[in-house]
Every structure is written in C-alpha cells, then in structure tokens.
C-alpha cells in the first residue's frame, strides 16, 4: 500500500499544518503504509510571520517550503504518476485555502488549482480512498461538486470548543451538497460509499497529542478501506 500526501507549504497560517502533516507521516509508517509527499511548484499566496501574524514582503515557493516537512523528499505535483498510489491524504493548514485553492478569498465560489482538482478526481473516479484533514474537506467538496452523491464530510463540531466558526464552514459545505457530520477531536467521519474519510484535527480546540490520536484513528479507518479496495 502506498499513499500520496499532498502538502501546501510549511506552517499553519500560510502552508500545511506541521503537526498534522508530521503526525500523518508517523501514523502511515506505524500502519505499514508507504508514502510519497507531493506539492504544486507554485508561488505561495503570501508569507506570514507565525509569531505575530504580520505579512512578510517576500516570495516563497510552495514546493520548496513543503520540502521542509518531508526532509527534502518531495515530488512536483505536475509530474507525479497517480497510478502508483492507492490513496490520497490532504493535511490541513491555511495553505489549503490560499495555495491549493482560493477558498480563503472566495469560499464556495473558489477555484481549485487545476492539478489539485485533477488529483482529487483521479482518486475519486477510481474509488481510491481520500483522507481529508482539518480544513481540507473544503477543497474536496468543491472538487467533487456534481460528482459525488450523498457526500459526507466533517469540518468539526458545533457542540465542542473551536477557535473557528464551525457553523459557517458547515453552511458553506452544505451549499456544495455535502452532508456535514459533527465530529469531535475524538471522532472521524467515514463515508464508505464515496470512500472519503475526514477528521477535524485543529479545526477543534485540541492539544497536539489529541490531534495525533485523531489522525491515528483516521489512518486506521483508511487502512480498512484500502484492505477492502476491489482494485488491489
């Protein structure tokens, strides 16, 4: 079994969420699932100072920044051979909404980077499982609009503490024909019909160990889907 892990930079506010990304790689290893990290070779939307949130007047490349997480071992999304992989995983972080898409600016009316959308559709069309973490269900939903039927995703829970307005996110997802499922940091959403798993991670108020356990649970569910994959 081999997974593709799609990264969107390095750092929660302008790239991939580092805790979620590293936890994903650890959990894949612990479940004997090989992986390869990929990222689009494009400029970041902007660069932020993670201490105070101020914008930094410089340009950085999403692929190069993502390589910080993968210790240099990363492939340009535009040249990846999709056929070699059985599943796709997308960690969260604002890079999903700024670099992989324009969600941060346009929400439901956003566009998805063409290679990212092509990637998501490849796995969906071939019934290969997709694991979407944190805020990344937004781009999965947008990419699968008018494709998936009765798509179920979680973006967190309105019944538990969060620094984000979960209700607003759920409303946006519903506008894209998604059945939103309330999931706490101890739960994941498994859509067996569409072979899509989602986990809230840092969309909820959580400690790093809780995020790790949430991703661990999601990877276990992913492995179950992989073992039932008729293509394998």
C-alpha atoms as a PDB file:
ATOM      1  CA  UNK A   1       0.000   0.000   0.000  1.00  0.00           C
ATOM      2  CA  UNK A   2       1.266   3.444  -0.890  1.00  0.00           C
ATOM      3  CA  UNK A   3      -0.221   6.868  -0.127  1.00  0.00           C
ATOM      4  CA  UNK A   4       0.200  10.276  -1.697  1.00  0.00           C
ATOM      5  CA  UNK A   5       0.403  13.104   0.850  1.00  0.00           C
ATOM      6  CA  UNK A   6      -0.454  16.487  -0.626  1.00  0.00           C
ATOM      7  CA  UNK A   7       1.301  19.379   1.112  1.00  0.00           C
ATOM      8  CA  UNK A   8       0.607  23.098   0.676  1.00  0.00           C
ATOM      9  CA  UNK A   9       3.671  24.761   2.215  1.00  0.00           C
ATOM     10  CA  UNK A  10       5.116  24.791   5.712  1.00  0.00           C
ATOM     11  CA  UNK A  11       3.277  26.455   8.582  1.00  0.00           C
ATOM     12  CA  UNK A  12      -0.338  26.622   9.684  1.00  0.00           C
ATOM     13  CA  UNK A  13      -1.098  30.203   8.611  1.00  0.00           C
ATOM     14  CA  UNK A  14       0.305  30.104   5.077  1.00  0.00           C
ATOM     15  CA  UNK A  15       1.003  26.434   4.318  1.00  0.00           C
ATOM     16  CA  UNK A  16       0.443  22.915   5.637  1.00  0.00           C
ATOM     17  CA  UNK A  17      -0.210  22.485   9.359  1.00  0.00           C
ATOM     18  CA  UNK A  18       3.071  20.961  10.520  1.00  0.00           C
ATOM     19  CA  UNK A  19       1.739  18.921  13.461  1.00  0.00           C
ATOM     20  CA  UNK A  20      -0.948  17.383  11.244  1.00  0.00           C
ATOM     21  CA  UNK A  21       1.485  16.679   8.413  1.00  0.00           C
ATOM     22  CA  UNK A  22       4.135  15.034  10.589  1.00  0.00           C
ATOM     23  CA  UNK A  23       1.513  13.086  12.547  1.00  0.00           C
ATOM     24  CA  UNK A  24       0.175  11.788   9.238  1.00  0.00           C
ATOM     25  CA  UNK A  25       3.590  10.525   8.144  1.00  0.00           C
ATOM     26  CA  UNK A  26       4.210   8.845  11.509  1.00  0.00           C
ATOM     27  CA  UNK A  27       0.799   7.158  11.511  1.00  0.00           C
ATOM     28  CA  UNK A  28       1.295   5.913   7.963  1.00  0.00           C
ATOM     29  CA  UNK A  29       4.604   4.327   8.968  1.00  0.00           C
ATOM     30  CA  UNK A  30       3.074   2.753  12.067  1.00  0.00           C
ATOM     31  CA  UNK A  31       0.416   1.163   9.835  1.00  0.00           C
ATOM     32  CA  UNK A  32       2.944  -0.100   7.270  1.00  0.00           C
ATOM     33  CA  UNK A  33       1.691   2.236   4.547  1.00  0.00           C
ATOM     34  CA  UNK A  34       4.394   3.695   2.329  1.00  0.00           C
ATOM     35  CA  UNK A  35       4.020   7.316   1.279  1.00  0.00           C
ATOM     36  CA  UNK A  36       5.304   9.978  -1.056  1.00  0.00           C
ATOM     37  CA  UNK A  37       4.895  13.708  -0.452  1.00  0.00           C
ATOM     38  CA  UNK A  38       3.837  15.976  -3.299  1.00  0.00           C
ATOM     39  CA  UNK A  39       3.151  19.674  -3.722  1.00  0.00           C
ATOM     40  CA  UNK A  40       2.458  22.117  -6.558  1.00  0.00           C
ATOM     41  CA  UNK A  41       5.502  24.024  -7.797  1.00  0.00           C
ATOM     42  CA  UNK A  42       3.954  27.493  -7.468  1.00  0.00           C
ATOM     43  CA  UNK A  43       4.406  30.710  -5.526  1.00  0.00           C
ATOM     44  CA  UNK A  44       2.715  30.936  -2.142  1.00  0.00           C
ATOM     45  CA  UNK A  45      -0.262  33.305  -1.872  1.00  0.00           C
ATOM     46  CA  UNK A  46       1.695  35.227   0.763  1.00  0.00           C
ATOM     47  CA  UNK A  47       4.206  34.674   3.571  1.00  0.00           C
ATOM     48  CA  UNK A  48       3.273  35.291   7.198  1.00  0.00           C
ATOM     49  CA  UNK A  49       5.249  35.792  10.396  1.00  0.00           C
ATOM     50  CA  UNK A  50       3.892  32.980  12.559  1.00  0.00           C
ATOM     51  CA  UNK A  51       4.724  34.853  15.757  1.00  0.00           C
ATOM     52  CA  UNK A  52       2.555  37.919  15.176  1.00  0.00           C
ATOM     53  CA  UNK A  53       0.596  37.151  12.001  1.00  0.00           C
ATOM     54  CA  UNK A  54       2.125  40.016  10.021  1.00  0.00           C
ATOM     55  CA  UNK A  55       2.669  39.580   6.308  1.00  0.00           C
ATOM     56  CA  UNK A  56       6.318  39.388   5.211  1.00  0.00           C
ATOM     57  CA  UNK A  57       7.289  41.142   1.984  1.00  0.00           C
ATOM     58  CA  UNK A  58       8.910  38.214   0.203  1.00  0.00           C
ATOM     59  CA  UNK A  59       8.059  35.398  -2.190  1.00  0.00           C
ATOM     60  CA  UNK A  60       8.352  31.715  -1.379  1.00  0.00           C
ATOM     61  CA  UNK A  61       7.651  28.576  -3.354  1.00  0.00           C
ATOM     62  CA  UNK A  62       5.045  26.058  -2.130  1.00  0.00           C
ATOM     63  CA  UNK A  63       7.058  23.016  -3.251  1.00  0.00           C
ATOM     64  CA  UNK A  64      10.269  24.234  -1.620  1.00  0.00           C
ATOM     65  CA  UNK A  65       8.501  25.157   1.611  1.00  0.00           C
ATOM     66  CA  UNK A  66       6.705  21.780   1.694  1.00  0.00           C
ATOM     67  CA  UNK A  67      10.057  20.034   1.347  1.00  0.00           C
ATOM     68  CA  UNK A  68      10.936  21.305   4.828  1.00  0.00           C
ATOM     69  CA  UNK A  69       8.316  18.910   6.220  1.00  0.00           C
ATOM     70  CA  UNK A  70       9.336  15.963   4.044  1.00  0.00           C
ATOM     71  CA  UNK A  71      13.077  16.427   4.690  1.00  0.00           C
ATOM     72  CA  UNK A  72      13.666  17.214   1.032  1.00  0.00           C
ATOM     73  CA  UNK A  73      11.977  14.115  -0.370  1.00  0.00           C
ATOM     74  CA  UNK A  74       9.092  15.542  -2.377  1.00  0.00           C
ATOM     75  CA  UNK A  75       7.744  15.423  -5.934  1.00  0.00           C
ATOM     76  CA  UNK A  76       6.269  18.174  -8.074  1.00  0.00           C
ATOM     77  CA  UNK A  77       2.525  17.535  -8.304  1.00  0.00           C
ATOM     78  CA  UNK A  78       2.525  18.221 -12.046  1.00  0.00           C
ATOM     79  CA  UNK A  79       4.745  15.211 -12.825  1.00  0.00           C
ATOM     80  CA  UNK A  80       3.507  12.628 -10.312  1.00  0.00           C
ATOM     81  CA  UNK A  81       2.347   9.252 -11.634  1.00  0.00           C
ATOM     82  CA  UNK A  82      -1.059   8.897  -9.939  1.00  0.00           C
ATOM     83  CA  UNK A  83      -1.401   5.244 -10.915  1.00  0.00           C
ATOM     84  CA  UNK A  84       1.268   4.047  -8.451  1.00  0.00           C
ATOM     85  CA  UNK A  85      -0.726   5.089  -5.384  1.00  0.00           C
ATOM     86  CA  UNK A  86      -3.745   3.602  -3.615  1.00  0.00           C
ATOM     87  CA  UNK A  87      -4.905   6.600  -1.578  1.00  0.00           C
ATOM     88  CA  UNK A  88      -4.629  10.363  -1.160  1.00  0.00           C
ATOM     89  CA  UNK A  89      -4.185  12.304   2.087  1.00  0.00           C
ATOM     90  CA  UNK A  90      -4.529  16.072   2.434  1.00  0.00           C
ATOM     91  CA  UNK A  91      -3.392  17.630   5.743  1.00  0.00           C
ATOM     92  CA  UNK A  92      -4.907  20.956   6.789  1.00  0.00           C
ATOM     93  CA  UNK A  93      -3.445  24.402   7.262  1.00  0.00           C
ATOM     94  CA  UNK A  94      -4.311  27.709   5.603  1.00  0.00           C
ATOM     95  CA  UNK A  95      -2.165  26.720   2.630  1.00  0.00           C
ATOM     96  CA  UNK A  96      -5.104  24.561   1.544  1.00  0.00           C
ATOM     97  CA  UNK A  97      -7.268  27.691   1.357  1.00  0.00           C
ATOM     98  CA  UNK A  98      -4.574  30.020  -0.008  1.00  0.00           C
ATOM     99  CA  UNK A  99      -2.188  27.961  -2.156  1.00  0.00           C
ATOM    100  CA  UNK A 100      -4.174  24.908  -3.268  1.00  0.00           C
ATOM    101  CA  UNK A 101      -7.305  26.990  -3.798  1.00  0.00           C
ATOM    102  CA  UNK A 102      -8.768  30.463  -3.403  1.00  0.00           C
ATOM    103  CA  UNK A 103     -11.098  29.383  -0.584  1.00  0.00           C
ATOM    104  CA  UNK A 104      -9.665  31.982   1.818  1.00  0.00           C
ATOM    105  CA  UNK A 105     -10.861  34.748  -0.512  1.00  0.00           C
ATOM    106  CA  UNK A 106     -13.955  33.328  -2.209  1.00  0.00           C
ATOM    107  CA  UNK A 107     -15.121  30.355  -0.101  1.00  0.00           C
ATOM    108  CA  UNK A 108     -17.825  28.451  -2.032  1.00  0.00           C
ATOM    109  CA  UNK A 109     -17.048  30.410  -5.212  1.00  0.00           C
ATOM    110  CA  UNK A 110     -13.368  29.491  -5.021  1.00  0.00           C
ATOM    111  CA  UNK A 111     -11.311  27.821  -7.715  1.00  0.00           C
ATOM    112  CA  UNK A 112      -9.081  24.812  -7.074  1.00  0.00           C
ATOM    113  CA  UNK A 113      -5.567  24.632  -8.516  1.00  0.00           C
ATOM    114  CA  UNK A 114      -6.084  22.563 -11.720  1.00  0.00           C
ATOM    115  CA  UNK A 115      -3.526  19.886 -10.803  1.00  0.00           C
ATOM    116  CA  UNK A 116      -5.013  19.562  -7.314  1.00  0.00           C
ATOM    117  CA  UNK A 117      -8.526  19.111  -8.685  1.00  0.00           C
ATOM    118  CA  UNK A 118      -7.254  16.599 -11.245  1.00  0.00           C
ATOM    119  CA  UNK A 119      -5.561  14.675  -8.426  1.00  0.00           C
ATOM    120  CA  UNK A 120      -8.682  14.543  -6.255  1.00  0.00           C
ATOM    121  CA  UNK A 121     -10.858  13.490  -9.192  1.00  0.00           C
ATOM    122  CA  UNK A 122      -8.385  10.761 -10.173  1.00  0.00           C
ATOM    123  CA  UNK A 123      -8.646   9.087  -6.782  1.00  0.00           C
ATOM    124  CA  UNK A 124     -12.396   9.567  -6.542  1.00  0.00           C
ATOM    125  CA  UNK A 125     -13.136   8.248 -10.028  1.00  0.00           C
ATOM    126  CA  UNK A 126     -11.035   5.128  -9.434  1.00  0.00           C
ATOM    127  CA  UNK A 127     -12.606   4.605  -5.997  1.00  0.00           C
ATOM    128  CA  UNK A 128      -9.265   5.060  -4.268  1.00  0.00           C
ATOM    129  CA  UNK A 129      -9.763   6.368  -0.702  1.00  0.00           C
ATOM    130  CA  UNK A 130      -9.240  10.047   0.102  1.00  0.00           C
ATOM    131  CA  UNK A 131      -8.409  11.199   3.637  1.00  0.00           C
ATOM    132  CA  UNK A 132      -9.126  14.868   4.253  1.00  0.00           C
ATOM    133  CA  UNK A 133      -7.859  16.527   7.436  1.00  0.00           C
ATOM    134  CA  UNK A 134      -8.815  19.755   9.197  1.00  0.00           C
ATOM    135  CA  UNK A 135      -9.933  22.413   6.664  1.00  0.00           C
ATOM    136  CA  UNK A 136      -9.111  20.362   3.555  1.00  0.00           C
ATOM    137  CA  UNK A 137     -12.680  18.979   3.204  1.00  0.00           C
ATOM    138  CA  UNK A 138     -13.447  22.377   1.647  1.00  0.00           C
ATOM    139  CA  UNK A 139     -11.384  21.623  -1.471  1.00  0.00           C
ATOM    140  CA  UNK A 140     -12.539  18.002  -1.587  1.00  0.00           C
ATOM    141  CA  UNK A 141     -16.155  19.180  -1.551  1.00  0.00           C
ATOM    142  CA  UNK A 142     -15.537  21.809  -4.234  1.00  0.00           C
ATOM    143  CA  UNK A 143     -13.659  19.349  -6.457  1.00  0.00           C
ATOM    144  CA  UNK A 144     -16.367  16.690  -6.117  1.00  0.00           C
ATOM    145  CA  UNK A 145     -19.309  19.054  -6.622  1.00  0.00           C
ATOM    146  CA  UNK A 146     -21.729  17.407  -9.092  1.00  0.00           C
ATOM    147  CA  UNK A 147     -19.587  14.243  -8.941  1.00  0.00           C
ATOM    148  CA  UNK A 148     -20.135  12.634  -5.542  1.00  0.00           C
ATOM    149  CA  UNK A 149     -23.598  11.651  -4.374  1.00  0.00           C
ATOM    150  CA  UNK A 150     -24.564  11.975  -0.696  1.00  0.00           C
ATOM    151  CA  UNK A 151     -21.009  13.019   0.189  1.00  0.00           C
ATOM    152  CA  UNK A 152     -20.419  13.038   3.942  1.00  0.00           C
ATOM    153  CA  UNK A 153     -17.657  15.173   5.468  1.00  0.00           C
ATOM    154  CA  UNK A 154     -16.743  16.639   8.818  1.00  0.00           C
ATOM    155  CA  UNK A 155     -15.216  20.048   9.373  1.00  0.00           C
ATOM    156  CA  UNK A 156     -15.526  19.719  13.158  1.00  0.00           C
ATOM    157  CA  UNK A 157     -18.373  20.006  15.630  1.00  0.00           C
ATOM    158  CA  UNK A 158     -20.637  22.868  16.683  1.00  0.00           C
ATOM    159  CA  UNK A 159     -21.050  21.052  20.004  1.00  0.00           C
ATOM    160  CA  UNK A 160     -17.405  21.341  21.058  1.00  0.00           C
ATOM    161  CA  UNK A 161     -14.926  24.188  21.523  1.00  0.00           C
ATOM    162  CA  UNK A 162     -13.262  25.678  18.431  1.00  0.00           C
ATOM    163  CA  UNK A 163     -11.482  28.915  17.578  1.00  0.00           C
ATOM    164  CA  UNK A 164     -13.269  28.839  14.211  1.00  0.00           C
ATOM    165  CA  UNK A 165     -16.924  29.333  13.311  1.00  0.00           C
ATOM    166  CA  UNK A 166     -17.743  25.702  12.563  1.00  0.00           C
ATOM    167  CA  UNK A 167     -21.339  26.564  11.758  1.00  0.00           C
ATOM    168  CA  UNK A 168     -20.233  28.880   8.937  1.00  0.00           C
ATOM    169  CA  UNK A 169     -17.980  26.194   7.498  1.00  0.00           C
ATOM    170  CA  UNK A 170     -20.817  23.670   7.657  1.00  0.00           C
ATOM    171  CA  UNK A 171     -23.147  26.093   5.884  1.00  0.00           C
ATOM    172  CA  UNK A 172     -20.596  26.550   3.105  1.00  0.00           C
ATOM    173  CA  UNK A 173     -20.155  22.791   2.716  1.00  0.00           C
ATOM    174  CA  UNK A 174     -23.922  22.294   2.588  1.00  0.00           C
ATOM    175  CA  UNK A 175     -24.051  24.766  -0.303  1.00  0.00           C
ATOM    176  CA  UNK A 176     -21.848  22.264  -2.136  1.00  0.00           C
ATOM    177  CA  UNK A 177     -24.291  19.401  -1.453  1.00  0.00           C
ATOM    178  CA  UNK A 178     -22.309  17.944   1.463  1.00  0.00           C
ATOM    179  CA  UNK A 179     -23.912  16.172   4.403  1.00  0.00           C
ATOM    180  CA  UNK A 180     -21.930  17.691   7.269  1.00  0.00           C
ATOM    181  CA  UNK A 181     -21.256  15.427  10.248  1.00  0.00           C
ATOM    182  CA  UNK A 182     -20.441  16.810  13.689  1.00  0.00           C
ATOM    183  CA  UNK A 183     -17.213  15.173  14.854  1.00  0.00           C
ATOM    184  CA  UNK A 184     -15.250  15.996  17.975  1.00  0.00           C
ATOM    185  CA  UNK A 185     -11.469  15.668  18.192  1.00  0.00           C
ATOM    186  CA  UNK A 186     -12.029  12.062  19.258  1.00  0.00           C
ATOM    187  CA  UNK A 187     -14.057  11.158  16.151  1.00  0.00           C
ATOM    188  CA  UNK A 188     -13.678  10.832  12.392  1.00  0.00           C
ATOM    189  CA  UNK A 189     -16.198  10.715   9.574  1.00  0.00           C
ATOM    190  CA  UNK A 190     -16.109   7.697   7.270  1.00  0.00           C
ATOM    191  CA  UNK A 191     -18.112   7.895   4.039  1.00  0.00           C
ATOM    192  CA  UNK A 192     -17.854   4.297   2.879  1.00  0.00           C
ATOM    193  CA  UNK A 193     -19.970   4.887  -0.218  1.00  0.00           C
ATOM    194  CA  UNK A 194     -17.717   7.612  -1.621  1.00  0.00           C
ATOM    195  CA  UNK A 195     -14.598   6.213   0.058  1.00  0.00           C
ATOM    196  CA  UNK A 196     -13.784   9.546   1.688  1.00  0.00           C
ATOM    197  CA  UNK A 197     -12.622   9.940   5.304  1.00  0.00           C
ATOM    198  CA  UNK A 198     -12.378  13.257   7.124  1.00  0.00           C
ATOM    199  CA  UNK A 199     -11.085  14.240  10.554  1.00  0.00           C
ATOM    200  CA  UNK A 200     -11.385  17.621  12.334  1.00  0.00           C
ATOM    201  CA  UNK A 201      -7.880  17.869  13.840  1.00  0.00           C
ATOM    202  CA  UNK A 202      -7.064  21.518  14.632  1.00  0.00           C
ATOM    203  CA  UNK A 203     -10.463  22.756  13.473  1.00  0.00           C
ATOM    204  CA  UNK A 204     -11.300  21.903  17.088  1.00  0.00           C
ATOM    205  CA  UNK A 205      -9.604  23.186  20.210  1.00  0.00           C
ATOM    206  CA  UNK A 206      -7.068  20.433  20.830  1.00  0.00           C
ATOM    207  CA  UNK A 207      -3.629  19.596  22.150  1.00  0.00           C
ATOM    208  CA  UNK A 208      -1.005  18.112  19.858  1.00  0.00           C
ATOM    209  CA  UNK A 209      -1.441  14.630  21.347  1.00  0.00           C
ATOM    210  CA  UNK A 210      -5.186  14.775  20.696  1.00  0.00           C
ATOM    211  CA  UNK A 211      -4.548  15.755  17.081  1.00  0.00           C
ATOM    212  CA  UNK A 212      -2.119  12.865  16.724  1.00  0.00           C
ATOM    213  CA  UNK A 213      -4.710  10.431  18.099  1.00  0.00           C
ATOM    214  CA  UNK A 214      -7.377  11.859  15.791  1.00  0.00           C
ATOM    215  CA  UNK A 215      -5.150  11.300  12.767  1.00  0.00           C
ATOM    216  CA  UNK A 216      -4.170   7.855  14.042  1.00  0.00           C
ATOM    217  CA  UNK A 217      -7.852   6.907  14.167  1.00  0.00           C
ATOM    218  CA  UNK A 218      -8.343   8.261  10.647  1.00  0.00           C
ATOM    219  CA  UNK A 219      -5.378   6.276   9.275  1.00  0.00           C
ATOM    220  CA  UNK A 220      -6.761   3.095  10.848  1.00  0.00           C
ATOM    221  CA  UNK A 221     -10.062   3.720   9.042  1.00  0.00           C
ATOM    222  CA  UNK A 222      -8.142   4.448   5.846  1.00  0.00           C
ATOM    223  CA  UNK A 223      -6.332   1.129   6.111  1.00  0.00           C
ATOM    224  CA  UNK A 224      -9.672  -0.668   6.492  1.00  0.00           C
ATOM    225  CA  UNK A 225     -10.897   0.922   3.252  1.00  0.00           C
ATOM    226  CA  UNK A 226      -7.667   0.035   1.491  1.00  0.00           C
ATOM    227  CA  UNK A 227      -7.977  -3.585   2.549  1.00  0.00           C
ATOM    228  CA  UNK A 228     -11.492  -3.666   1.055  1.00  0.00           C
ATOM    229  CA  UNK A 229     -10.420  -1.974  -2.170  1.00  0.00           C
ATOM    230  CA  UNK A 230     -11.518  -4.183  -5.098  1.00  0.00           C
ATOM    231  CA  UNK A 231      -8.726  -2.720  -7.225  1.00  0.00           C
ATOM    232  CA  UNK A 232      -5.997  -4.175  -5.017  1.00  0.00           C
END
